[in-house]
Every structure is written in structure tokens, then in C-alpha cells.
Amino acid sequence: MPSHVGHTMETMMFKFYKLAEDTDRLTKEGLRVFMEKEFPEISENLAVDKIMKDLNQCQDGRLDSRTFFPLIAGLPIICNNYFVVHTREAEEKEVGNSEKLIPP
């Protein structure tokens, strides 16, 4: 029985090949479908056209697995950075508000 991480990697591989429609490359539309389905909360902020342009080194409008998987692996880093920034902002705001309550 695979670990949670192993199962996640297996799932991602199957998702890629399902969306790649029996080829080894994912089209821009396939990437868009994947992002909208799997990451609906962030997909509206992602520019799929720009991602495809930046990652599609051979300029054929498709991503291979060697390009797709690092993109997916990078998403938790982006989410973590977002979380850290917003957590700090919330903490700073809370400290600022509590300082206003303390009489001079």
C-alpha cells in the first residue's frame, strides 16, 4: 500500500496522462481544464496562457511530463508563500489594533 505522498504522486501521473489524451504531452486547454478542476480557488488568478508560454520550450503549445510535474510541485510553494504573507499581515494588524486599546 503506497504512502499518502506515493498515492498523491500516482494520482498526479494518472491525471496528467488522462488529460494528455493518450499522448505524452498536455495541451493548453488540457492545462486549463486541470487547473480549473483541481485548483478552482486559485485558477482564476493564474494566467494559463502565460504559464504555457513560459513553460512550453519547444513552442508547440503542449507540455510534457518533465515540464508539467515541476509546475505542480511548485504550487505548494506559492500557496505557502501566500499563507505566510497573509498570516504576518493579520498578526501585524492584530498587534496594531491591540496597541490602540492600551491607554498612554
N, C-alpha and C. Protein backbone atom coordinates (compact mmCIF):
# COMPACT_ATOMS: atom_id res chain seq x y z
N MET A 1 0.85 -1.18 0.00
CA MET A 1 0.00 0.00 0.00
C MET A 1 0.90 1.24 0.00
N PRO A 2 0.72 2.13 -0.97
CA PRO A 2 1.58 3.32 -1.04
C PRO A 2 1.26 4.31 0.09
N SER A 3 2.26 5.10 0.44
CA SER A 3 2.07 6.17 1.43
C SER A 3 1.16 7.24 0.83
N HIS A 4 0.79 8.20 1.66
CA HIS A 4 -0.04 9.31 1.16
C HIS A 4 0.69 10.07 0.05
N VAL A 5 1.98 10.30 0.25
CA VAL A 5 2.75 11.01 -0.77
C VAL A 5 2.85 10.17 -2.04
N GLY A 6 3.11 8.87 -1.87
CA GLY A 6 3.17 7.98 -3.03
C GLY A 6 1.86 7.94 -3.78
N HIS A 7 0.76 7.89 -3.03
CA HIS A 7 -0.56 7.88 -3.66
C HIS A 7 -0.81 9.20 -4.40
N THR A 8 -0.40 10.30 -3.81
CA THR A 8 -0.57 11.61 -4.46
C THR A 8 0.21 11.67 -5.76
N MET A 9 1.45 11.19 -5.73
CA MET A 9 2.26 11.20 -6.96
C MET A 9 1.63 10.31 -8.03
N GLU A 10 1.14 9.15 -7.62
CA GLU A 10 0.48 8.25 -8.57
C GLU A 10 -0.75 8.91 -9.18
N THR A 11 -1.54 9.57 -8.35
CA THR A 11 -2.73 10.26 -8.82
C THR A 11 -2.38 11.35 -9.83
N MET A 12 -1.33 12.12 -9.53
CA MET A 12 -0.92 13.19 -10.44
C MET A 12 -0.46 12.62 -11.78
N MET A 13 0.25 11.51 -11.75
CA MET A 13 0.68 10.89 -13.00
C MET A 13 -0.51 10.45 -13.82
N PHE A 14 -1.49 9.81 -13.18
CA PHE A 14 -2.68 9.36 -13.90
C PHE A 14 -3.47 10.55 -14.45
N LYS A 15 -3.58 11.63 -13.65
CA LYS A 15 -4.29 12.82 -14.12
C LYS A 15 -3.61 13.39 -15.37
N PHE A 16 -2.29 13.49 -15.33
CA PHE A 16 -1.56 14.03 -16.47
C PHE A 16 -1.85 13.22 -17.73
N TYR A 17 -1.71 11.91 -17.65
CA TYR A 17 -1.88 11.09 -18.85
C TYR A 17 -3.34 11.02 -19.31
N LYS A 18 -4.27 11.16 -18.37
CA LYS A 18 -5.68 11.21 -18.77
C LYS A 18 -5.95 12.51 -19.56
N LEU A 19 -5.45 13.62 -19.05
CA LEU A 19 -5.65 14.91 -19.73
C LEU A 19 -4.83 15.03 -21.00
N ALA A 20 -3.72 14.30 -21.07
CA ALA A 20 -2.87 14.35 -22.26
C ALA A 20 -3.48 13.57 -23.42
N GLU A 21 -4.60 12.93 -23.17
CA GLU A 21 -5.36 12.23 -24.21
C GLU A 21 -4.50 11.25 -25.00
N ASP A 22 -3.95 10.30 -24.26
CA ASP A 22 -3.18 9.20 -24.87
C ASP A 22 -1.92 9.66 -25.60
N THR A 23 -1.42 10.82 -25.27
CA THR A 23 -0.13 11.25 -25.79
C THR A 23 0.76 11.53 -24.59
N ASP A 24 1.94 11.94 -24.83
CA ASP A 24 2.82 12.26 -23.71
C ASP A 24 2.93 13.76 -23.49
N ARG A 25 1.98 14.53 -24.07
CA ARG A 25 2.04 15.99 -23.95
C ARG A 25 0.64 16.54 -23.66
N LEU A 26 0.60 17.57 -22.84
CA LEU A 26 -0.64 18.20 -22.42
C LEU A 26 -0.82 19.52 -23.17
N THR A 27 -2.00 19.72 -23.76
CA THR A 27 -2.28 20.97 -24.48
C THR A 27 -2.61 22.09 -23.49
N LYS A 28 -2.65 23.30 -24.00
CA LYS A 28 -3.02 24.44 -23.17
C LYS A 28 -4.44 24.26 -22.62
N GLU A 29 -5.34 23.75 -23.44
CA GLU A 29 -6.71 23.51 -22.98
C GLU A 29 -6.72 22.45 -21.88
N GLY A 30 -5.91 21.41 -22.04
CA GLY A 30 -5.81 20.38 -21.00
C GLY A 30 -5.29 20.96 -19.70
N LEU A 31 -4.30 21.84 -19.79
CA LEU A 31 -3.77 22.50 -18.59
C LEU A 31 -4.84 23.38 -17.95
N ARG A 32 -5.59 24.10 -18.76
CA ARG A 32 -6.66 24.96 -18.24
C ARG A 32 -7.71 24.12 -17.51
N VAL A 33 -8.14 23.01 -18.12
CA VAL A 33 -9.13 22.12 -17.51
C VAL A 33 -8.60 21.59 -16.18
N PHE A 34 -7.35 21.16 -16.18
CA PHE A 34 -6.74 20.63 -14.96
C PHE A 34 -6.73 21.68 -13.85
N MET A 35 -6.25 22.88 -14.16
CA MET A 35 -6.15 23.93 -13.14
C MET A 35 -7.53 24.33 -12.61
N GLU A 36 -8.51 24.45 -13.49
CA GLU A 36 -9.85 24.84 -13.06
C GLU A 36 -10.50 23.77 -12.21
N LYS A 37 -10.26 22.51 -12.54
CA LYS A 37 -10.88 21.42 -11.79
C LYS A 37 -10.17 21.16 -10.47
N GLU A 38 -8.85 21.12 -10.50
CA GLU A 38 -8.09 20.74 -9.32
C GLU A 38 -7.77 21.90 -8.38
N PHE A 39 -7.71 23.11 -8.90
CA PHE A 39 -7.36 24.27 -8.09
C PHE A 39 -8.32 25.43 -8.37
N PRO A 40 -9.62 25.22 -8.16
CA PRO A 40 -10.58 26.27 -8.51
C PRO A 40 -10.38 27.56 -7.72
N GLU A 41 -9.88 27.45 -6.49
CA GLU A 41 -9.70 28.64 -5.67
C GLU A 41 -8.56 29.53 -6.15
N ILE A 42 -7.61 28.97 -6.90
CA ILE A 42 -6.50 29.80 -7.38
C ILE A 42 -6.45 29.91 -8.89
N SER A 43 -7.23 29.09 -9.58
CA SER A 43 -7.11 29.07 -11.05
C SER A 43 -7.50 30.38 -11.70
N GLU A 44 -8.42 31.12 -11.08
CA GLU A 44 -8.81 32.39 -11.70
C GLU A 44 -7.68 33.41 -11.63
N ASN A 45 -6.75 33.23 -10.71
CA ASN A 45 -5.62 34.14 -10.59
C ASN A 45 -4.43 33.71 -11.46
N LEU A 46 -4.50 32.52 -12.01
CA LEU A 46 -3.41 32.02 -12.83
C LEU A 46 -3.65 32.35 -14.29
N ALA A 47 -2.66 32.81 -14.95
CA ALA A 47 -2.75 33.10 -16.37
C ALA A 47 -2.24 31.88 -17.12
N VAL A 48 -3.15 30.99 -17.50
CA VAL A 48 -2.76 29.74 -18.16
C VAL A 48 -1.99 30.02 -19.44
N ASP A 49 -2.38 31.06 -20.17
CA ASP A 49 -1.65 31.40 -21.40
C ASP A 49 -0.19 31.74 -21.11
N LYS A 50 0.03 32.52 -20.06
CA LYS A 50 1.40 32.90 -19.70
C LYS A 50 2.18 31.69 -19.20
N ILE A 51 1.54 30.85 -18.39
CA ILE A 51 2.21 29.64 -17.89
C ILE A 51 2.64 28.78 -19.06
N MET A 52 1.72 28.58 -20.00
CA MET A 52 2.03 27.74 -21.16
C MET A 52 3.17 28.34 -21.96
N LYS A 53 3.12 29.64 -22.18
CA LYS A 53 4.17 30.30 -22.96
C LYS A 53 5.53 30.17 -22.27
N ASP A 54 5.55 30.38 -20.96
CA ASP A 54 6.80 30.31 -20.20
C ASP A 54 7.37 28.89 -20.16
N LEU A 55 6.50 27.90 -20.08
CA LEU A 55 6.98 26.53 -19.90
C LEU A 55 7.14 25.75 -21.19
N ASN A 56 6.48 26.16 -22.24
CA ASN A 56 6.49 25.42 -23.50
C ASN A 56 7.74 25.75 -24.30
N GLN A 57 8.82 25.08 -23.97
CA GLN A 57 10.12 25.39 -24.55
C GLN A 57 10.20 25.15 -26.05
N CYS A 58 9.53 24.14 -26.55
CA CYS A 58 9.62 23.87 -27.99
C CYS A 58 8.52 24.59 -28.78
N GLN A 59 7.73 25.43 -28.10
CA GLN A 59 6.74 26.30 -28.74
C GLN A 59 5.71 25.55 -29.59
N ASP A 60 5.33 24.34 -29.15
CA ASP A 60 4.32 23.60 -29.90
C ASP A 60 2.95 23.63 -29.22
N GLY A 61 2.81 24.42 -28.14
CA GLY A 61 1.53 24.54 -27.46
C GLY A 61 1.20 23.37 -26.56
N ARG A 62 2.19 22.56 -26.21
CA ARG A 62 1.95 21.40 -25.35
C ARG A 62 3.08 21.28 -24.33
N LEU A 63 2.72 20.71 -23.16
CA LEU A 63 3.70 20.46 -22.10
C LEU A 63 3.92 18.97 -21.95
N ASP A 64 5.17 18.57 -21.79
CA ASP A 64 5.43 17.17 -21.49
C ASP A 64 5.47 16.99 -19.98
N SER A 65 5.57 15.75 -19.53
CA SER A 65 5.53 15.46 -18.10
C SER A 65 6.71 16.10 -17.37
N ARG A 66 7.85 16.22 -18.01
CA ARG A 66 9.03 16.82 -17.35
C ARG A 66 8.83 18.30 -17.09
N THR A 67 7.91 18.92 -17.76
CA THR A 67 7.60 20.34 -17.53
C THR A 67 6.40 20.48 -16.61
N PHE A 68 5.41 19.60 -16.77
CA PHE A 68 4.18 19.67 -16.00
C PHE A 68 4.41 19.41 -14.52
N PHE A 69 5.16 18.36 -14.19
CA PHE A 69 5.31 17.99 -12.79
C PHE A 69 6.05 19.02 -11.95
N PRO A 70 7.10 19.67 -12.44
CA PRO A 70 7.70 20.76 -11.65
C PRO A 70 6.72 21.93 -11.42
N LEU A 71 5.87 22.20 -12.40
CA LEU A 71 4.85 23.23 -12.22
C LEU A 71 3.95 22.87 -11.05
N ILE A 72 3.47 21.63 -11.03
CA ILE A 72 2.58 21.18 -9.97
C ILE A 72 3.31 21.16 -8.63
N ALA A 73 4.56 20.74 -8.63
CA ALA A 73 5.34 20.71 -7.39
C ALA A 73 5.56 22.11 -6.85
N GLY A 74 5.59 23.11 -7.70
CA GLY A 74 5.80 24.48 -7.27
C GLY A 74 4.57 25.14 -6.67
N LEU A 75 3.38 24.61 -6.94
CA LEU A 75 2.16 25.23 -6.43
C LEU A 75 2.11 25.28 -4.90
N PRO A 76 2.51 24.23 -4.17
CA PRO A 76 2.52 24.35 -2.71
C PRO A 76 3.45 25.45 -2.21
N ILE A 77 4.53 25.70 -2.92
CA ILE A 77 5.45 26.77 -2.53
C ILE A 77 4.75 28.12 -2.66
N ILE A 78 4.05 28.31 -3.76
CA ILE A 78 3.31 29.55 -3.98
C ILE A 78 2.24 29.72 -2.91
N CYS A 79 1.50 28.65 -2.63
CA CYS A 79 0.45 28.71 -1.61
C CYS A 79 1.03 29.00 -0.23
N ASN A 80 2.16 28.37 0.09
CA ASN A 80 2.81 28.61 1.37
C ASN A 80 3.26 30.06 1.49
N ASN A 81 3.87 30.59 0.45
CA ASN A 81 4.30 31.99 0.48
C ASN A 81 3.12 32.93 0.70
N TYR A 82 2.02 32.65 0.02
CA TYR A 82 0.80 33.45 0.17
C TYR A 82 0.30 33.38 1.61
N PHE A 83 0.27 32.16 2.16
CA PHE A 83 -0.20 31.95 3.53
C PHE A 83 0.68 32.70 4.53
N VAL A 84 2.00 32.59 4.38
CA VAL A 84 2.93 33.25 5.30
C VAL A 84 2.75 34.76 5.26
N VAL A 85 2.67 35.34 4.08
CA VAL A 85 2.50 36.79 3.95
C VAL A 85 1.20 37.24 4.61
N HIS A 86 0.11 36.54 4.32
CA HIS A 86 -1.18 36.96 4.86
C HIS A 86 -1.29 36.70 6.36
N THR A 87 -0.62 35.67 6.86
CA THR A 87 -0.60 35.42 8.29
C THR A 87 0.15 36.55 9.00
N ARG A 88 1.28 36.94 8.46
CA ARG A 88 2.05 38.05 9.05
C ARG A 88 1.25 39.35 9.02
N GLU A 89 0.60 39.61 7.91
CA GLU A 89 -0.21 40.84 7.81
C GLU A 89 -1.32 40.84 8.85
N ALA A 90 -1.96 39.69 9.04
CA ALA A 90 -3.04 39.59 10.02
C ALA A 90 -2.50 39.78 11.43
N GLU A 91 -1.33 39.19 11.72
CA GLU A 91 -0.72 39.35 13.04
C GLU A 91 -0.33 40.80 13.29
N GLU A 92 0.25 41.45 12.29
CA GLU A 92 0.65 42.85 12.44
C GLU A 92 -0.57 43.74 12.65
N LYS A 93 -1.63 43.44 11.95
CA LYS A 93 -2.86 44.22 12.11
C LYS A 93 -3.43 44.02 13.51
N GLU A 94 -3.39 42.78 13.99
CA GLU A 94 -3.90 42.47 15.32
C GLU A 94 -3.08 43.19 16.39
N VAL A 95 -1.76 43.18 16.26
CA VAL A 95 -0.89 43.88 17.21
C VAL A 95 -1.16 45.37 17.15
N GLY A 96 -1.30 45.91 15.97
CA GLY A 96 -1.60 47.34 15.80
C GLY A 96 -2.91 47.72 16.46
N ASN A 97 -3.93 46.88 16.32
CA ASN A 97 -5.23 47.15 16.93
C ASN A 97 -5.15 47.07 18.45
N SER A 98 -4.40 46.11 18.98
CA SER A 98 -4.31 45.97 20.43
C SER A 98 -3.52 47.12 21.04
N GLU A 99 -2.54 47.66 20.31
CA GLU A 99 -1.78 48.81 20.81
C GLU A 99 -2.67 50.04 20.91
N LYS A 100 -3.65 50.15 20.05
CA LYS A 100 -4.57 51.28 20.10
C LYS A 100 -5.46 51.24 21.34
N LEU A 101 -5.67 50.02 21.88
CA LEU A 101 -6.53 49.86 23.04
C LEU A 101 -5.81 50.19 24.35
N ILE A 102 -4.50 50.19 24.34
CA ILE A 102 -3.73 50.45 25.56
C ILE A 102 -3.65 51.97 25.75
N PRO A 103 -4.12 52.45 26.91
CA PRO A 103 -4.07 53.91 27.14
C PRO A 103 -2.62 54.37 27.32
N PRO A 104 -2.32 55.60 26.92
CA PRO A 104 -0.95 56.13 27.05
C PRO A 104 -0.55 56.38 28.48
